[in-house]
Amino acid sequence: MNYNNKIFRPIANSENGETSNGTVFIYKQTGKILTSEYAGGKIKSGHLIGLVDQNGNIDMRYHQVNHEGEIMTGICKSKPEILENGKIRLHESWEWTSGDKSKGQSIIEEQ
């Protein structure tokens, strides 16, 4: 699975998360390395870097600056689901490595 040049938006997130349907992720992939710049909603600017396995699962790290001016960091594991229309839905389990270090779940979909 290749995520290069795909655009994703969240459709669900835990209350302790900062992404929302106003957040836009632009994915780039070269080989197994995935990167993304993202912004929108509560996030002024964010970046992620991850590795994609042979099944399309992503193991990533992220950092972002929110509208309060805080730098937030975390880890996330994403599992892909291919929808009937051929688009990708990612089921994500994440954990803050800053702030309260809480965990959450989110779902993002390819636009």
PDB file of N, CA and C in Angstrom:
ATOM      1  N   MET A   1       0.855  -1.178   0.000  1.00  0.00           N
ATOM      2  CA  MET A   1       0.000   0.000   0.000  1.00  0.00           C
ATOM      3  C   MET A   1       0.897   1.236   0.000  1.00  0.00           C
ATOM      4  N   ASN A   2       0.523   2.200  -0.811  1.00  0.00           N
ATOM      5  CA  ASN A   2       1.305   3.431  -0.885  1.00  0.00           C
ATOM      6  C   ASN A   2       0.397   4.623  -0.574  1.00  0.00           C
ATOM      7  N   TYR A   3       0.837   5.452   0.348  1.00  0.00           N
ATOM      8  CA  TYR A   3       0.052   6.601   0.795  1.00  0.00           C
ATOM      9  C   TYR A   3       0.488   7.905   0.129  1.00  0.00           C
ATOM     10  N   ASN A   4       1.414   7.823  -0.814  1.00  0.00           N
ATOM     11  CA  ASN A   4       1.980   9.039  -1.397  1.00  0.00           C
ATOM     12  C   ASN A   4       0.917   9.924  -2.044  1.00  0.00           C
ATOM     13  N   ASN A   5       0.948  11.211  -1.699  1.00  0.00           N
ATOM     14  CA  ASN A   5       0.051  12.250  -2.219  1.00  0.00           C
ATOM     15  C   ASN A   5      -1.415  12.067  -1.844  1.00  0.00           C
ATOM     16  N   LYS A   6      -1.693  11.247  -0.831  1.00  0.00           N
ATOM     17  CA  LYS A   6      -3.076  11.079  -0.379  1.00  0.00           C
ATOM     18  C   LYS A   6      -3.373  12.105   0.721  1.00  0.00           C
ATOM     19  N   ILE A   7      -4.603  12.588   0.718  1.00  0.00           N
ATOM     20  CA  ILE A   7      -5.054  13.591   1.690  1.00  0.00           C
ATOM     21  C   ILE A   7      -6.085  12.931   2.599  1.00  0.00           C
ATOM     22  N   PHE A   8      -5.907  13.108   3.911  1.00  0.00           N
ATOM     23  CA  PHE A   8      -6.790  12.510   4.911  1.00  0.00           C
ATOM     24  C   PHE A   8      -7.375  13.584   5.814  1.00  0.00           C
ATOM     25  N   ARG A   9      -8.596  13.309   6.306  1.00  0.00           N
ATOM     26  CA  ARG A   9      -9.254  14.148   7.322  1.00  0.00           C
ATOM     27  C   ARG A   9      -9.823  13.226   8.399  1.00  0.00           C
ATOM     28  N   PRO A  10      -9.751  13.654   9.658  1.00  0.00           N
ATOM     29  CA  PRO A  10     -10.360  12.869  10.739  1.00  0.00           C
ATOM     30  C   PRO A  10     -11.888  12.852  10.623  1.00  0.00           C
ATOM     31  N   ILE A  11     -12.467  11.690  10.941  1.00  0.00           N
ATOM     32  CA  ILE A  11     -13.927  11.588  11.032  1.00  0.00           C
ATOM     33  C   ILE A  11     -14.358  11.277  12.461  1.00  0.00           C
ATOM     34  N   ALA A  12     -13.386  10.888  13.326  1.00  0.00           N
ATOM     35  CA  ALA A  12     -13.679  10.606  14.735  1.00  0.00           C
ATOM     36  C   ALA A  12     -12.379  10.722  15.520  1.00  0.00           C
ATOM     37  N   ASN A  13     -12.504  11.157  16.781  1.00  0.00           N
ATOM     38  CA  ASN A  13     -11.334  11.244  17.655  1.00  0.00           C
ATOM     39  C   ASN A  13     -11.791  11.225  19.103  1.00  0.00           C
ATOM     40  N   SER A  14     -10.931  10.735  19.974  1.00  0.00           N
ATOM     41  CA  SER A  14     -11.189  10.776  21.410  1.00  0.00           C
ATOM     42  C   SER A  14     -11.198  12.236  21.877  1.00  0.00           C
ATOM     43  N   GLU A  15     -11.880  12.496  22.992  1.00  0.00           N
ATOM     44  CA  GLU A  15     -12.007  13.864  23.507  1.00  0.00           C
ATOM     45  C   GLU A  15     -10.663  14.507  23.829  1.00  0.00           C
ATOM     46  N   ASN A  16      -9.669  13.700  24.205  1.00  0.00           N
ATOM     47  CA  ASN A  16      -8.363  14.231  24.585  1.00  0.00           C
ATOM     48  C   ASN A  16      -7.443  14.469  23.382  1.00  0.00           C
ATOM     49  N   GLY A  17      -7.961  14.256  22.165  1.00  0.00           N
ATOM     50  CA  GLY A  17      -7.186  14.504  20.957  1.00  0.00           C
ATOM     51  C   GLY A  17      -7.330  15.940  20.481  1.00  0.00           C
ATOM     52  N   GLU A  18      -6.438  16.347  19.584  1.00  0.00           N
ATOM     53  CA  GLU A  18      -6.488  17.716  19.057  1.00  0.00           C
ATOM     54  C   GLU A  18      -6.915  17.775  17.593  1.00  0.00           C
ATOM     55  N   THR A  19      -6.918  16.643  16.886  1.00  0.00           N
ATOM     56  CA  THR A  19      -7.360  16.688  15.490  1.00  0.00           C
ATOM     57  C   THR A  19      -8.883  16.671  15.417  1.00  0.00           C
ATOM     58  N   SER A  20      -9.410  17.233  14.324  1.00  0.00           N
ATOM     59  CA  SER A  20     -10.853  17.286  14.085  1.00  0.00           C
ATOM     60  C   SER A  20     -11.071  17.261  12.579  1.00  0.00           C
ATOM     61  N   ASN A  21     -12.329  17.341  12.148  1.00  0.00           N
ATOM     62  CA  ASN A  21     -12.589  17.319  10.700  1.00  0.00           C
ATOM     63  C   ASN A  21     -12.048  18.555   9.998  1.00  0.00           C
ATOM     64  N   GLY A  22     -11.569  19.540  10.771  1.00  0.00           N
ATOM     65  CA  GLY A  22     -10.906  20.702  10.192  1.00  0.00           C
ATOM     66  C   GLY A  22      -9.424  20.493   9.943  1.00  0.00           C
ATOM     67  N   THR A  23      -8.898  19.364  10.388  1.00  0.00           N
ATOM     68  CA  THR A  23      -7.476  19.063  10.223  1.00  0.00           C
ATOM     69  C   THR A  23      -7.264  18.314   8.903  1.00  0.00           C
ATOM     70  N   VAL A  24      -6.282  18.760   8.133  1.00  0.00           N
ATOM     71  CA  VAL A  24      -5.965  18.129   6.853  1.00  0.00           C
ATOM     72  C   VAL A  24      -4.538  17.580   6.910  1.00  0.00           C
ATOM     73  N   PHE A  25      -4.412  16.294   6.583  1.00  0.00           N
ATOM     74  CA  PHE A  25      -3.113  15.622   6.519  1.00  0.00           C
ATOM     75  C   PHE A  25      -2.758  15.381   5.056  1.00  0.00           C
ATOM     76  N   ILE A  26      -1.571  15.769   4.640  1.00  0.00           N
ATOM     77  CA  ILE A  26      -1.086  15.488   3.290  1.00  0.00           C
ATOM     78  C   ILE A  26       0.065  14.495   3.437  1.00  0.00           C
ATOM     79  N   TYR A  27      -0.174  13.257   3.000  1.00  0.00           N
ATOM     80  CA  TYR A  27       0.804  12.183   3.171  1.00  0.00           C
ATOM     81  C   TYR A  27       1.758  12.115   1.988  1.00  0.00           C
ATOM     82  N   LYS A  28       3.022  11.838   2.305  1.00  0.00           N
ATOM     83  CA  LYS A  28       4.065  11.566   1.303  1.00  0.00           C
ATOM     84  C   LYS A  28       4.724  10.254   1.703  1.00  0.00           C
ATOM     85  N   GLN A  29       5.044   9.417   0.725  1.00  0.00           N
ATOM     86  CA  GLN A  29       5.700   8.152   1.026  1.00  0.00           C
ATOM     87  C   GLN A  29       6.787   7.863   0.010  1.00  0.00           C
ATOM     88  N   THR A  30       7.961   7.499   0.514  1.00  0.00           N
ATOM     89  CA  THR A  30       9.072   7.038  -0.311  1.00  0.00           C
ATOM     90  C   THR A  30       9.549   5.725   0.288  1.00  0.00           C
ATOM     91  N   GLY A  31       9.394   4.644  -0.455  1.00  0.00           N
ATOM     92  CA  GLY A  31       9.716   3.336   0.101  1.00  0.00           C
ATOM     93  C   GLY A  31       8.817   3.063   1.290  1.00  0.00           C
ATOM     94  N   LYS A  32       9.413   2.687   2.416  1.00  0.00           N
ATOM     95  CA  LYS A  32       8.639   2.417   3.641  1.00  0.00           C
ATOM     96  C   LYS A  32       8.459   3.660   4.511  1.00  0.00           C
ATOM     97  N   ILE A  33       9.098   4.775   4.125  1.00  0.00           N
ATOM     98  CA  ILE A  33       9.071   5.982   4.964  1.00  0.00           C
ATOM     99  C   ILE A  33       7.890   6.868   4.596  1.00  0.00           C
ATOM    100  N   LEU A  34       7.074   7.186   5.598  1.00  0.00           N
ATOM    101  CA  LEU A  34       5.896   8.033   5.431  1.00  0.00           C
ATOM    102  C   LEU A  34       6.127   9.341   6.186  1.00  0.00           C
ATOM    103  N   THR A  35       5.784  10.454   5.566  1.00  0.00           N
ATOM    104  CA  THR A  35       5.819  11.754   6.231  1.00  0.00           C
ATOM    105  C   THR A  35       4.513  12.476   5.936  1.00  0.00           C
ATOM    106  N   SER A  36       4.206  13.450   6.775  1.00  0.00           N
ATOM    107  CA  SER A  36       3.022  14.266   6.533  1.00  0.00           C
ATOM    108  C   SER A  36       3.191  15.613   7.211  1.00  0.00           C
ATOM    109  N   GLU A  37       2.689  16.642   6.542  1.00  0.00           N
ATOM    110  CA  GLU A  37       2.466  17.932   7.168  1.00  0.00           C
ATOM    111  C   GLU A  37       0.964  18.032   7.364  1.00  0.00           C
ATOM    112  N   TYR A  38       0.552  18.640   8.472  1.00  0.00           N
ATOM    113  CA  TYR A  38      -0.881  18.784   8.724  1.00  0.00           C
ATOM    114  C   TYR A  38      -1.155  20.040   9.534  1.00  0.00           C
ATOM    115  N   ALA A  39      -2.381  20.519   9.411  1.00  0.00           N
ATOM    116  CA  ALA A  39      -2.821  21.719  10.127  1.00  0.00           C
ATOM    117  C   ALA A  39      -4.338  21.786  10.039  1.00  0.00           C
ATOM    118  N   GLY A  40      -4.907  22.658  10.878  1.00  0.00           N
ATOM    119  CA  GLY A  40      -6.350  22.879  10.854  1.00  0.00           C
ATOM    120  C   GLY A  40      -6.994  22.511  12.169  1.00  0.00           C
ATOM    121  N   GLY A  41      -8.157  23.073  12.413  1.00  0.00           N
ATOM    122  CA  GLY A  41      -8.828  22.845  13.689  1.00  0.00           C
ATOM    123  C   GLY A  41      -8.012  23.456  14.810  1.00  0.00           C
ATOM    124  N   LYS A  42      -7.683  22.665  15.837  1.00  0.00           N
ATOM    125  CA  LYS A  42      -6.919  23.151  16.982  1.00  0.00           C
ATOM    126  C   LYS A  42      -5.415  23.198  16.725  1.00  0.00           C
ATOM    127  N   ILE A  43      -4.978  22.766  15.527  1.00  0.00           N
ATOM    128  CA  ILE A  43      -3.551  22.619  15.243  1.00  0.00           C
ATOM    129  C   ILE A  43      -3.076  23.678  14.264  1.00  0.00           C
ATOM    130  N   LYS A  44      -2.071  24.460  14.689  1.00  0.00           N
ATOM    131  CA  LYS A  44      -1.471  25.457  13.796  1.00  0.00           C
ATOM    132  C   LYS A  44      -0.558  24.794  12.784  1.00  0.00           C
ATOM    133  N   SER A  45       0.274  23.854  13.250  1.00  0.00           N
ATOM    134  CA  SER A  45       1.220  23.177  12.361  1.00  0.00           C
ATOM    135  C   SER A  45       1.636  21.863  12.987  1.00  0.00           C
ATOM    136  N   GLY A  46       1.692  20.813  12.161  1.00  0.00           N
ATOM    137  CA  GLY A  46       2.120  19.510  12.652  1.00  0.00           C
ATOM    138  C   GLY A  46       2.874  18.736  11.595  1.00  0.00           C
ATOM    139  N   HIS A  47       3.689  17.792  12.065  1.00  0.00           N
ATOM    140  CA  HIS A  47       4.443  16.904  11.185  1.00  0.00           C
ATOM    141  C   HIS A  47       4.426  15.505  11.789  1.00  0.00           C
ATOM    142  N   LEU A  48       4.470  14.519  10.920  1.00  0.00           N
ATOM    143  CA  LEU A  48       4.629  13.153  11.398  1.00  0.00           C
ATOM    144  C   LEU A  48       5.630  12.433  10.514  1.00  0.00           C
ATOM    145  N   ILE A  49       6.244  11.405  11.085  1.00  0.00           N
ATOM    146  CA  ILE A  49       7.122  10.519  10.335  1.00  0.00           C
ATOM    147  C   ILE A  49       6.836   9.105  10.803  1.00  0.00           C
ATOM    148  N   GLY A  50       6.808   8.175   9.858  1.00  0.00           N
ATOM    149  CA  GLY A  50       6.493   6.807  10.229  1.00  0.00           C
ATOM    150  C   GLY A  50       7.031   5.810   9.237  1.00  0.00           C
ATOM    151  N   LEU A  51       6.846   4.554   9.594  1.00  0.00           N
ATOM    152  CA  LEU A  51       7.220   3.438   8.735  1.00  0.00           C
ATOM    153  C   LEU A  51       5.973   2.641   8.391  1.00  0.00           C
ATOM    154  N   VAL A  52       5.876   2.249   7.121  1.00  0.00           N
ATOM    155  CA  VAL A  52       4.741   1.479   6.614  1.00  0.00           C
ATOM    156  C   VAL A  52       5.193   0.039   6.424  1.00  0.00           C
ATOM    157  N   ASP A  53       4.439  -0.918   6.987  1.00  0.00           N
ATOM    158  CA  ASP A  53       4.805  -2.329   6.791  1.00  0.00           C
ATOM    159  C   ASP A  53       4.139  -2.895   5.540  1.00  0.00           C
ATOM    160  N   GLN A  54       4.371  -4.176   5.270  1.00  0.00           N
ATOM    161  CA  GLN A  54       3.879  -4.813   4.044  1.00  0.00           C
ATOM    162  C   GLN A  54       2.361  -4.872   3.966  1.00  0.00           C
ATOM    163  N   ASN A  55       1.663  -4.712   5.103  1.00  0.00           N
ATOM    164  CA  ASN A  55       0.196  -4.730   5.127  1.00  0.00           C
ATOM    165  C   ASN A  55      -0.413  -3.331   5.156  1.00  0.00           C
ATOM    166  N   GLY A  56       0.437  -2.299   5.073  1.00  0.00           N
ATOM    167  CA  GLY A  56      -0.055  -0.926   5.090  1.00  0.00           C
ATOM    168  C   GLY A  56      -0.217  -0.330   6.474  1.00  0.00           C
ATOM    169  N   ASN A  57       0.136  -1.100   7.524  1.00  0.00           N
ATOM    170  CA  ASN A  57       0.089  -0.562   8.886  1.00  0.00           C
ATOM    171  C   ASN A  57       1.185   0.483   9.043  1.00  0.00           C
ATOM    172  N   ILE A  58       0.889   1.519   9.823  1.00  0.00           N
ATOM    173  CA  ILE A  58       1.840   2.616  10.008  1.00  0.00           C
ATOM    174  C   ILE A  58       2.207   2.722  11.486  1.00  0.00           C
ATOM    175  N   ASP A  59       3.510   2.807  11.755  1.00  0.00           N
ATOM    176  CA  ASP A  59       4.041   3.087  13.090  1.00  0.00           C
ATOM    177  C   ASP A  59       4.671   4.465  12.992  1.00  0.00           C
ATOM    178  N   MET A  60       4.086   5.457  13.681  1.00  0.00           N
ATOM    179  CA  MET A  60       4.533   6.836  13.475  1.00  0.00           C
ATOM    180  C   MET A  60       4.761   7.588  14.781  1.00  0.00           C
ATOM    181  N   ARG A  61       5.482   8.696  14.642  1.00  0.00           N
ATOM    182  CA  ARG A  61       5.692   9.673  15.709  1.00  0.00           C
ATOM    183  C   ARG A  61       5.233  11.022  15.169  1.00  0.00           C
ATOM    184  N   TYR A  62       4.648  11.841  16.025  1.00  0.00           N
ATOM    185  CA  TYR A  62       4.157  13.138  15.554  1.00  0.00           C
ATOM    186  C   TYR A  62       4.482  14.238  16.549  1.00  0.00           C
ATOM    187  N   HIS A  63       4.561  15.454  16.033  1.00  0.00           N
ATOM    188  CA  HIS A  63       4.682  16.647  16.870  1.00  0.00           C
ATOM    189  C   HIS A  63       3.880  17.758  16.215  1.00  0.00           C
ATOM    190  N   GLN A  64       3.301  18.595  17.056  1.00  0.00           N
ATOM    191  CA  GLN A  64       2.432  19.652  16.544  1.00  0.00           C
ATOM    192  C   GLN A  64       2.406  20.826  17.507  1.00  0.00           C
ATOM    193  N   VAL A  65       2.072  22.004  16.966  1.00  0.00           N
ATOM    194  CA  VAL A  65       1.870  23.201  17.774  1.00  0.00           C
ATOM    195  C   VAL A  65       0.376  23.517  17.716  1.00  0.00           C
ATOM    196  N   ASN A  66      -0.252  23.597  18.896  1.00  0.00           N
ATOM    197  CA  ASN A  66      -1.688  23.886  18.930  1.00  0.00           C
ATOM    198  C   ASN A  66      -1.928  25.397  19.033  1.00  0.00           C
ATOM    199  N   HIS A  67      -3.188  25.798  19.015  1.00  0.00           N
ATOM    200  CA  HIS A  67      -3.527  27.225  19.038  1.00  0.00           C
ATOM    201  C   HIS A  67      -3.221  27.895  20.375  1.00  0.00           C
ATOM    202  N   GLU A  68      -2.920  27.111  21.407  1.00  0.00           N
ATOM    203  CA  GLU A  68      -2.471  27.682  22.678  1.00  0.00           C
ATOM    204  C   GLU A  68      -0.961  27.938  22.657  1.00  0.00           C
ATOM    205  N   GLY A  69      -0.293  27.566  21.562  1.00  0.00           N
ATOM    206  CA  GLY A  69       1.145  27.757  21.442  1.00  0.00           C
ATOM    207  C   GLY A  69       1.966  26.673  22.117  1.00  0.00           C
ATOM    208  N   GLU A  70       1.336  25.532  22.421  1.00  0.00           N
ATOM    209  CA  GLU A  70       2.033  24.421  23.061  1.00  0.00           C
ATOM    210  C   GLU A  70       2.561  23.450  22.008  1.00  0.00           C
ATOM    211  N   ILE A  71       3.738  22.901  22.241  1.00  0.00           N
ATOM    212  CA  ILE A  71       4.249  21.810  21.410  1.00  0.00           C
ATOM    213  C   ILE A  71       3.763  20.514  22.037  1.00  0.00           C
ATOM    214  N   MET A  72       3.067  19.710  21.249  1.00  0.00           N
ATOM    215  CA  MET A  72       2.554  18.422  21.700  1.00  0.00           C
ATOM    216  C   MET A  72       3.198  17.326  20.861  1.00  0.00           C
ATOM    217  N   THR A  73       3.535  16.192  21.502  1.00  0.00           N
ATOM    218  CA  THR A  73       4.187  15.086  20.806  1.00  0.00           C
ATOM    219  C   THR A  73       3.480  13.778  21.136  1.00  0.00           C
ATOM    220  N   GLY A  74       3.622  12.807  20.231  1.00  0.00           N
ATOM    221  CA  GLY A  74       2.998  11.526  20.496  1.00  0.00           C
ATOM    222  C   GLY A  74       3.424  10.432  19.541  1.00  0.00           C
ATOM    223  N   ILE A  75       2.886   9.241  19.823  1.00  0.00           N
ATOM    224  CA  ILE A  75       3.104   8.064  18.984  1.00  0.00           C
ATOM    225  C   ILE A  75       1.745   7.554  18.537  1.00  0.00           C
ATOM    226  N   CYS A  76       1.721   6.924  17.368  1.00  0.00           N
ATOM    227  CA  CYS A  76       0.456   6.450  16.801  1.00  0.00           C
ATOM    228  C   CYS A  76       0.704   5.204  15.967  1.00  0.00           C
ATOM    229  N   LYS A  77      -0.219   4.263  16.057  1.00  0.00           N
ATOM    230  CA  LYS A  77      -0.221   3.096  15.183  1.00  0.00           C
ATOM    231  C   LYS A  77      -1.535   3.120  14.414  1.00  0.00           C
ATOM    232  N   SER A  78      -1.426   3.009  13.089  1.00  0.00           N
ATOM    233  CA  SER A  78      -2.603   3.084  12.216  1.00  0.00           C
ATOM    234  C   SER A  78      -2.762   1.794  11.432  1.00  0.00           C
ATOM    235  N   LYS A  79      -3.999   1.334  11.335  1.00  0.00           N
ATOM    236  CA  LYS A  79      -4.316   0.117  10.584  1.00  0.00           C
ATOM    237  C   LYS A  79      -5.284   0.494   9.465  1.00  0.00           C
ATOM    238  N   PRO A  80      -4.955   0.150   8.198  1.00  0.00           N
ATOM    239  CA  PRO A  80      -5.816   0.556   7.085  1.00  0.00           C
ATOM    240  C   PRO A  80      -7.019  -0.350   6.874  1.00  0.00           C
ATOM    241  N   GLU A  81      -8.073   0.258   6.370  1.00  0.00           N
ATOM    242  CA  GLU A  81      -9.268  -0.446   5.891  1.00  0.00           C
ATOM    243  C   GLU A  81      -9.569   0.143   4.516  1.00  0.00           C
ATOM    244  N   ILE A  82      -9.779  -0.708   3.528  1.00  0.00           N
ATOM    245  CA  ILE A  82     -10.140  -0.228   2.195  1.00  0.00           C
ATOM    246  C   ILE A  82     -11.658  -0.183   2.102  1.00  0.00           C
ATOM    247  N   LEU A  83     -12.195   0.992   1.828  1.00  0.00           N
ATOM    248  CA  LEU A  83     -13.647   1.175   1.739  1.00  0.00           C
ATOM    249  C   LEU A  83     -14.164   0.701   0.388  1.00  0.00           C
ATOM    250  N   GLU A  84     -15.473   0.554   0.278  1.00  0.00           N
ATOM    251  CA  GLU A  84     -16.088   0.090  -0.969  1.00  0.00           C
ATOM    252  C   GLU A  84     -15.751   0.984  -2.150  1.00  0.00           C
ATOM    253  N   ASN A  85     -15.549   2.291  -1.895  1.00  0.00           N
ATOM    254  CA  ASN A  85     -15.230   3.230  -2.972  1.00  0.00           C
ATOM    255  C   ASN A  85     -13.731   3.240  -3.309  1.00  0.00           C
ATOM    256  N   GLY A  86     -12.948   2.361  -2.652  1.00  0.00           N
ATOM    257  CA  GLY A  86     -11.518   2.269  -2.920  1.00  0.00           C
ATOM    258  C   GLY A  86     -10.663   3.194  -2.082  1.00  0.00           C
ATOM    259  N   LYS A  87     -11.303   4.080  -1.332  1.00  0.00           N
ATOM    260  CA  LYS A  87     -10.561   5.006  -0.476  1.00  0.00           C
ATOM    261  C   LYS A  87     -10.076   4.276   0.782  1.00  0.00           C
ATOM    262  N   ILE A  88      -9.094   4.877   1.450  1.00  0.00           N
ATOM    263  CA  ILE A  88      -8.496   4.286   2.640  1.00  0.00           C
ATOM    264  C   ILE A  88      -9.050   4.954   3.899  1.00  0.00           C
ATOM    265  N   ARG A  89      -9.413   4.129   4.857  1.00  0.00           N
ATOM    266  CA  ARG A  89      -9.778   4.595   6.201  1.00  0.00           C
ATOM    267  C   ARG A  89      -8.707   4.050   7.145  1.00  0.00           C
ATOM    268  N   LEU A  90      -8.145   4.912   7.990  1.00  0.00           N
ATOM    269  CA  LEU A  90      -7.129   4.491   8.945  1.00  0.00           C
ATOM    270  C   LEU A  90      -7.699   4.502  10.359  1.00  0.00           C
ATOM    271  N   HIS A  91      -7.585   3.359  11.027  1.00  0.00           N
ATOM    272  CA  HIS A  91      -8.002   3.209  12.419  1.00  0.00           C
ATOM    273  C   HIS A  91      -6.755   3.400  13.272  1.00  0.00           C
ATOM    274  N   GLU A  92      -6.766   4.429  14.132  1.00  0.00           N
ATOM    275  CA  GLU A  92      -5.557   4.839  14.831  1.00  0.00           C
ATOM    276  C   GLU A  92      -5.665   4.689  16.341  1.00  0.00           C
ATOM    277  N   SER A  93      -4.597   4.173  16.928  1.00  0.00           N
ATOM    278  CA  SER A  93      -4.425   4.137  18.380  1.00  0.00           C
ATOM    279  C   SER A  93      -3.217   5.004  18.682  1.00  0.00           C
ATOM    280  N   TRP A  94      -3.411   6.016  19.513  1.00  0.00           N
ATOM    281  CA  TRP A  94      -2.337   6.973  19.754  1.00  0.00           C
ATOM    282  C   TRP A  94      -2.161   7.243  21.235  1.00  0.00           C
ATOM    283  N   GLU A  95      -1.014   7.855  21.544  1.00  0.00           N
ATOM    284  CA  GLU A  95      -0.678   8.181  22.924  1.00  0.00           C
ATOM    285  C   GLU A  95       0.183   9.434  22.935  1.00  0.00           C
ATOM    286  N   TRP A  96      -0.208  10.375  23.794  1.00  0.00           N
ATOM    287  CA  TRP A  96       0.620  11.569  23.962  1.00  0.00           C
ATOM    288  C   TRP A  96       1.904  11.186  24.684  1.00  0.00           C
ATOM    289  N   THR A  97       3.038  11.733  24.217  1.00  0.00           N
ATOM    290  CA  THR A  97       4.302  11.587  24.940  1.00  0.00           C
ATOM    291  C   THR A  97       4.644  12.902  25.641  1.00  0.00           C
ATOM    292  N   SER A  98       3.729  13.842  25.587  1.00  0.00           N
ATOM    293  CA  SER A  98       3.833  15.125  26.295  1.00  0.00           C
ATOM    294  C   SER A  98       2.517  15.347  27.022  1.00  0.00           C
ATOM    295  N   GLY A  99       2.430  16.437  27.760  1.00  0.00           N
ATOM    296  CA  GLY A  99       1.176  16.752  28.452  1.00  0.00           C
ATOM    297  C   GLY A  99       0.799  15.663  29.444  1.00  0.00           C
ATOM    298  N   ASP A 100      -0.450  15.224  29.397  1.00  0.00           N
ATOM    299  CA  ASP A 100      -0.939  14.245  30.378  1.00  0.00           C
ATOM    300  C   ASP A 100      -0.623  12.797  30.011  1.00  0.00           C
ATOM    301  N   LYS A 101       0.008  12.586  28.863  1.00  0.00           N
ATOM    302  CA  LYS A 101       0.426  11.249  28.401  1.00  0.00           C
ATOM    303  C   LYS A 101      -0.755  10.271  28.290  1.00  0.00           C
ATOM    304  N   SER A 102      -1.938  10.808  28.016  1.00  0.00           N
ATOM    305  CA  SER A 102      -3.125   9.970  27.863  1.00  0.00           C
ATOM    306  C   SER A 102      -3.140   9.290  26.494  1.00  0.00           C
ATOM    307  N   LYS A 103      -4.049   8.335  26.352  1.00  0.00           N
ATOM    308  CA  LYS A 103      -4.197   7.562  25.117  1.00  0.00           C
ATOM    309  C   LYS A 103      -5.540   7.865  24.467  1.00  0.00           C
ATOM    310  N   GLY A 104      -5.649   7.533  23.175  1.00  0.00           N
ATOM    311  CA  GLY A 104      -6.903   7.743  22.483  1.00  0.00           C
ATOM    312  C   GLY A 104      -7.000   6.932  21.204  1.00  0.00           C
ATOM    313  N   GLN A 105      -8.141   7.077  20.556  1.00  0.00           N
ATOM    314  CA  GLN A 105      -8.430   6.398  19.293  1.00  0.00           C
ATOM    315  C   GLN A 105      -8.963   7.433  18.321  1.00  0.00           C
ATOM    316  N   SER A 106      -8.594   7.303  17.069  1.00  0.00           N
ATOM    317  CA  SER A 106      -9.138   8.182  16.036  1.00  0.00           C
ATOM    318  C   SER A 106      -9.300   7.410  14.744  1.00  0.00           C
ATOM    319  N   ILE A 107     -10.087   7.981  13.852  1.00  0.00           N
ATOM    320  CA  ILE A 107     -10.285   7.412  12.515  1.00  0.00           C
ATOM    321  C   ILE A 107     -10.125   8.566  11.530  1.00  0.00           C
ATOM    322  N   ILE A 108      -9.285   8.349  10.513  1.00  0.00           N
ATOM    323  CA  ILE A 108      -9.155   9.329   9.451  1.00  0.00           C
ATOM    324  C   ILE A 108      -9.469   8.653   8.121  1.00  0.00           C
ATOM    325  N   GLU A 109     -10.001   9.442   7.176  1.00  0.00           N
ATOM    326  CA  GLU A 109     -10.368   8.894   5.880  1.00  0.00           C
ATOM    327  C   GLU A 109      -9.735   9.698   4.754  1.00  0.00           C
ATOM    328  N   GLU A 110      -9.373   8.957   3.707  1.00  0.00           N
ATOM    329  CA  GLU A 110      -8.854   9.582   2.503  1.00  0.00           C
ATOM    330  C   GLU A 110      -9.928  10.426   1.844  1.00  0.00           C
ATOM    331  N   GLN A 111      -9.551  11.611   1.387  1.00  0.00           N
ATOM    332  CA  GLN A 111     -10.491  12.523   0.728  1.00  0.00           C
ATOM    333  C   GLN A 111     -10.540  12.270  -0.757  1.00  0.00           C
TER     334      GLN A 111
END
